[in-house]
Protein backbone atom coordinates (compact mmCIF):
# COMPACT_ATOMS: atom_id res chain seq x y z
CA MET A 1 19.70 -22.96 19.43
CA SER A 2 17.81 -25.10 17.10
CA MET A 3 17.26 -23.59 13.60
CA PRO A 4 13.60 -23.63 12.51
CA THR A 5 13.32 -24.94 8.93
CA THR A 6 9.90 -26.61 9.12
CA PHE A 7 7.05 -25.79 6.73
CA GLU A 8 4.46 -27.16 9.07
CA LEU A 9 1.80 -25.03 10.42
CA ASP A 10 0.17 -27.35 13.13
CA GLY A 11 -1.75 -25.26 15.58
CA LYS A 12 -1.60 -22.02 13.61
CA LEU A 13 -4.53 -19.78 12.59
CA ALA A 14 -4.36 -18.37 9.12
CA PHE A 15 -6.64 -15.84 7.44
CA VAL A 16 -6.58 -15.60 3.66
CA SER A 17 -8.58 -12.88 1.98
CA GLY A 18 -9.65 -13.25 -1.67
CA ALA A 19 -9.59 -17.05 -1.09
CA SER A 20 -12.67 -18.10 -2.95
CA ARG A 21 -10.57 -18.58 -6.18
CA GLY A 22 -7.20 -17.94 -7.77
CA ILE A 23 -4.07 -17.40 -5.82
CA GLY A 24 -5.99 -16.99 -2.50
CA GLU A 25 -7.72 -20.33 -2.91
CA ALA A 26 -4.51 -22.14 -3.82
CA GLY A 27 -2.73 -20.73 -0.86
CA ALA A 28 -5.63 -21.49 1.51
CA ARG A 29 -5.44 -25.07 0.47
CA LEU A 30 -1.68 -25.45 0.83
CA LEU A 31 -1.62 -23.80 4.30
CA ALA A 32 -4.36 -26.11 5.42
CA ALA A 33 -2.57 -29.14 3.92
CA HIS A 34 0.42 -28.21 6.27
CA GLY A 35 -1.62 -28.16 9.33
CA ALA A 36 -3.07 -24.51 9.73
CA HIS A 37 -6.52 -23.88 10.48
CA VAL A 38 -7.58 -21.62 7.56
CA ILE A 39 -10.23 -18.94 7.53
CA VAL A 40 -11.32 -18.72 3.91
CA SER A 41 -12.52 -15.22 3.24
CA SER A 42 -13.97 -13.08 0.45
CA ARG A 43 -16.96 -10.84 -0.13
CA ARG A 44 -19.23 -13.82 -0.80
CA ILE A 45 -19.79 -16.35 1.92
CA GLU A 46 -21.09 -18.95 -0.37
CA ALA A 47 -17.99 -19.16 -2.55
CA CYS A 48 -15.87 -19.22 0.67
CA GLU A 49 -17.77 -21.99 2.21
CA ALA A 50 -17.36 -24.16 -1.04
CA VAL A 51 -13.61 -23.87 -0.66
CA ALA A 52 -13.77 -24.45 3.08
CA ARG A 53 -15.75 -27.39 2.72
CA SER A 54 -13.47 -28.87 0.10
CA ILE A 55 -10.49 -28.29 2.33
CA ARG A 56 -12.29 -30.11 5.08
CA GLU A 57 -13.31 -32.98 2.86
CA ALA A 58 -9.70 -33.27 1.91
CA GLY A 59 -8.69 -33.77 5.70
CA GLY A 60 -7.87 -30.15 6.43
CA SER A 61 -9.20 -27.69 8.89
CA ALA A 62 -11.10 -24.59 7.46
CA GLU A 63 -14.05 -22.26 7.86
CA ALA A 64 -15.60 -19.53 5.82
CA LEU A 65 -15.96 -15.81 6.80
CA ALA A 66 -17.25 -13.14 4.67
CA CYS A 67 -15.08 -9.86 4.65
CA HIS A 68 -15.11 -6.98 2.32
CA ILE A 69 -11.74 -5.46 2.78
CA GLY A 70 -12.81 -2.33 0.91
CA ASP A 71 -15.22 -1.61 3.92
CA PRO A 72 -13.64 -0.70 7.27
CA ASP A 73 -16.69 -1.73 9.11
CA SER A 74 -16.44 -5.17 7.64
CA ILE A 75 -12.83 -5.53 8.69
CA ALA A 76 -13.59 -4.35 12.23
CA ALA A 77 -16.26 -7.04 12.38
CA THR A 78 -14.12 -9.63 10.97
CA PHE A 79 -11.41 -9.25 13.65
CA ALA A 80 -14.10 -9.08 16.23
CA THR A 81 -15.19 -12.56 15.09
CA ILE A 82 -11.72 -13.84 14.99
CA ASP A 83 -11.11 -12.47 18.61
CA ALA A 84 -14.37 -14.11 19.88
CA GLN A 85 -13.97 -17.51 18.17
CA HIS A 86 -10.15 -17.95 18.23
CA GLY A 87 -8.42 -15.38 20.36
CA ARG A 88 -5.41 -15.29 18.09
CA LEU A 89 -4.08 -15.03 14.52
CA ASP A 90 -0.87 -16.33 13.43
CA VAL A 91 -0.94 -15.70 9.53
CA LEU A 92 -2.60 -13.00 7.57
CA VAL A 93 -2.54 -13.33 3.78
CA ASN A 94 -3.69 -10.09 2.34
CA ASN A 95 -4.67 -11.16 -1.25
CA ALA A 96 -8.05 -9.70 -2.08
CA ALA A 97 -7.72 -6.91 -4.57
CA ALA A 98 -9.71 -4.68 -6.90
CA ASN A 99 -9.00 -3.75 -10.51
CA PRO A 100 -12.06 -2.30 -11.98
CA TYR A 101 -10.59 -0.41 -14.75
CA PHE A 102 -8.41 -1.36 -17.76
CA GLY A 103 -7.27 1.39 -20.07
CA PRO A 104 -5.39 4.71 -20.45
CA ILE A 105 -4.24 5.98 -17.09
CA VAL A 106 -5.58 9.51 -18.17
CA ASP A 107 -9.05 8.23 -18.67
CA THR A 108 -9.22 6.64 -15.13
CA GLY A 109 -12.59 7.42 -13.73
CA ILE A 110 -12.74 8.70 -10.03
CA ASP A 111 -15.05 5.84 -9.00
CA ALA A 112 -12.64 3.31 -10.35
CA PHE A 113 -9.74 5.09 -8.75
CA GLN A 114 -11.36 5.41 -5.28
CA LYS A 115 -12.47 1.62 -5.31
CA THR A 116 -9.02 0.49 -6.25
CA VAL A 117 -7.40 2.60 -3.57
CA ASP A 118 -10.06 1.70 -0.94
CA VAL A 119 -9.38 -2.09 -1.45
CA ASN A 120 -5.81 -2.28 -2.41
CA ILE A 121 -4.23 0.35 -0.13
CA ARG A 122 -6.74 1.16 2.73
CA GLY A 123 -7.88 -2.27 2.98
CA TYR A 124 -4.47 -3.94 3.18
CA PHE A 125 -3.33 -1.09 5.70
CA LEU A 126 -6.37 -1.68 7.97
CA MET A 127 -6.03 -5.57 7.82
CA SER A 128 -2.19 -5.38 8.51
CA GLN A 129 -2.78 -2.88 11.31
CA ALA A 130 -5.44 -5.03 13.10
CA ALA A 131 -3.48 -8.26 12.59
CA ALA A 132 -0.12 -6.72 13.76
CA LYS A 133 -1.64 -5.60 16.92
CA ARG A 134 -2.90 -9.00 17.76
CA MET A 135 0.18 -10.71 16.71
CA ALA A 136 2.39 -8.53 18.89
CA ARG A 137 0.24 -9.35 21.94
CA GLN A 138 0.70 -12.97 21.25
CA GLY A 139 4.40 -12.82 20.61
CA GLY A 140 4.64 -12.84 16.85
CA GLY A 141 3.14 -13.79 13.57
CA SER A 142 3.47 -13.52 9.70
CA ILE A 143 1.79 -10.99 7.50
CA ILE A 144 1.86 -11.65 3.71
CA ASN A 145 0.83 -8.96 1.28
CA VAL A 146 0.20 -10.28 -2.23
CA ALA A 147 1.30 -7.42 -4.37
CA SER A 148 2.24 -7.76 -8.10
CA VAL A 149 5.16 -7.33 -10.58
CA ASN A 150 3.14 -4.22 -11.74
CA GLY A 151 4.30 -2.59 -8.49
CA VAL A 152 7.65 -2.45 -9.98
CA ILE A 153 6.99 -2.09 -13.62
CA PRO A 154 3.50 -0.60 -14.13
CA GLY A 155 1.29 -2.82 -16.39
CA ASP A 156 -0.03 -1.37 -19.71
CA GLY A 157 -3.66 -0.16 -19.21
CA GLN A 158 -3.36 -0.92 -15.44
CA GLY A 159 -2.13 2.51 -14.23
CA ILE A 160 -4.10 2.96 -10.87
CA TYR A 161 -3.85 -0.90 -10.17
CA SER A 162 -0.07 -0.62 -10.58
CA ILE A 163 0.26 2.52 -8.24
CA THR A 164 -1.69 0.80 -5.49
CA LYS A 165 0.48 -2.19 -5.76
CA ALA A 166 3.64 -0.07 -5.46
CA ALA A 167 2.18 1.33 -2.48
CA ILE A 168 1.72 -2.19 -1.03
CA LEU A 169 5.40 -2.64 -1.46
CA SER A 170 6.19 0.30 0.46
CA MET A 171 3.67 -0.51 3.08
CA THR A 172 5.30 -3.96 3.57
CA LYS A 173 8.63 -2.43 4.32
CA ALA A 174 7.07 0.08 6.73
CA PHE A 175 5.31 -2.48 8.66
CA ALA A 176 8.20 -4.81 8.56
CA LYS A 177 10.52 -2.21 10.08
CA GLU A 178 8.21 -1.21 12.86
CA CYS A 179 6.82 -4.67 13.85
CA ALA A 180 9.90 -6.60 13.88
CA ALA A 181 10.67 -6.00 17.54
CA GLN A 182 7.35 -7.55 18.24
CA GLY A 183 8.05 -10.70 16.42
CA VAL A 184 5.66 -9.81 13.48
CA ARG A 185 7.20 -10.47 10.18
CA VAL A 186 5.68 -8.70 7.06
CA ASN A 187 6.54 -9.73 3.43
CA ALA A 188 5.23 -9.33 0.13
CA LEU A 189 4.72 -11.83 -2.74
CA LEU A 190 4.92 -10.43 -6.28
CA PRO A 191 3.19 -12.75 -8.73
CA GLY A 192 3.91 -12.50 -12.32
CA LEU A 193 1.26 -13.08 -14.92
CA THR A 194 -0.97 -15.87 -13.41
CA ASP A 195 -4.03 -17.69 -14.85
CA THR A 196 -6.79 -16.34 -12.75
CA ARG A 197 -10.11 -14.75 -13.57
CA PHE A 198 -8.67 -11.54 -12.21
CA ALA A 199 -6.11 -11.68 -15.08
CA GLY A 200 -8.58 -12.74 -17.69
CA PRO A 201 -8.45 -9.65 -19.85
CA LEU A 202 -4.80 -9.96 -20.31
CA ILE A 203 -4.64 -13.71 -20.81
CA HIS A 204 -7.45 -14.02 -23.13
CA ASP A 205 -6.34 -11.09 -25.42
CA PRO A 206 -3.97 -12.79 -27.93
CA ALA A 207 -2.09 -9.64 -28.70
CA ILE A 208 -1.59 -8.61 -24.98
CA LEU A 209 -0.72 -12.27 -24.11
CA ALA A 210 1.84 -12.45 -26.77
CA ARG A 211 3.46 -9.14 -25.77
CA ALA A 212 3.61 -10.13 -22.10
CA LEU A 213 5.04 -13.59 -22.81
CA GLY A 214 7.80 -11.84 -24.67
CA HIS A 215 8.96 -10.34 -21.46
CA ILE A 216 8.80 -13.60 -19.47
CA PRO A 217 11.99 -15.68 -19.61
CA LEU A 218 10.02 -18.89 -18.81
CA GLY A 219 7.72 -18.04 -21.71
CA ARG A 220 4.52 -18.94 -20.02
CA VAL A 221 1.78 -18.09 -17.73
CA ALA A 222 1.77 -19.20 -14.21
CA GLU A 223 -0.84 -21.43 -12.43
CA PRO A 224 -2.20 -20.21 -9.10
CA ALA A 225 -0.75 -23.25 -7.38
CA GLU A 226 2.74 -22.02 -8.18
CA MET A 227 2.38 -18.98 -6.08
CA ALA A 228 1.17 -21.12 -2.96
CA GLY A 229 4.62 -22.46 -2.19
CA ALA A 230 5.83 -18.92 -1.57
CA LEU A 231 2.90 -18.27 0.62
CA LEU A 232 3.76 -21.24 2.65
CA PHE A 233 7.20 -20.35 3.00
CA LEU A 234 6.46 -16.88 4.20
CA ALA A 235 3.94 -18.10 6.69
CA SER A 236 5.98 -20.82 8.14
CA SER A 237 9.14 -20.81 10.43
CA ALA A 238 11.20 -21.75 7.27
CA SER A 239 11.26 -18.08 6.81
CA SER A 240 11.77 -17.14 10.40
CA TYR A 241 14.63 -14.64 9.58
CA VAL A 242 12.89 -13.10 6.50
CA THR A 243 11.06 -9.80 6.80
CA GLY A 244 10.62 -6.83 4.70
CA THR A 245 11.33 -8.77 1.66
CA TRP A 246 9.70 -8.72 -1.75
CA LEU A 247 9.54 -12.31 -3.08
CA ASN A 248 9.27 -12.41 -7.00
CA VAL A 249 7.43 -15.32 -8.40
CA ASP A 250 7.31 -14.13 -11.89
CA GLY A 251 8.95 -16.51 -14.33
CA GLY A 252 12.02 -14.12 -14.54
CA TYR A 253 9.91 -11.10 -15.54
CA LEU A 254 11.54 -8.62 -13.31
CA SER A 255 15.08 -9.98 -14.31
CA ALA A 256 14.54 -9.78 -18.00
């Protein structure tokens, strides 16, 4: 039996949500660079098309498709389009997320609570459910949930966001356990503090940043590209015997 150790994704179809910027964009670019045809997705088609066009100009294969994972109807329409245009899905990267509130957990408004839950829990669940069914029919695939170190240690002022990220970690194991027999691998990436617009309120507040860096052994903020390698590993056959795992890419934060 030959041991699959390749990181190549030739002939694979990968869908990356929240791919118009940040970790999603970096991941989409690297997956395409290794041969995947990447569907670049977020709520706004214009931003997705800009990334997809850039990937094509660099010699990769990509298209743009708008999807709001907080909207079940949008998810259903997205998978109908994938079925009609491609008839398969090999890799799903659940990366789009919501974090509309920063502040004391006891002051979390119901609207912020509901939006965060709708995107980060219900959205990931419905996306994973739809992808896993299709992957099972075709003999396998890889689902990668971008969670957060906040799912293990709740972040200051990020109560409901941290709660939803913890739910994603449990969801990852639940899907992994039930879908393994169909060849569908499900894993989670736990990024540490990363220089994205999403993390802007943390990175651009000197006091918060100093406190955060004090808990990161590598002593710095990550770049989005530093998360992409983990996504490639989990998407490719290099991780063929990996499922149900939480892969920390956090500068040592969770080990400190």
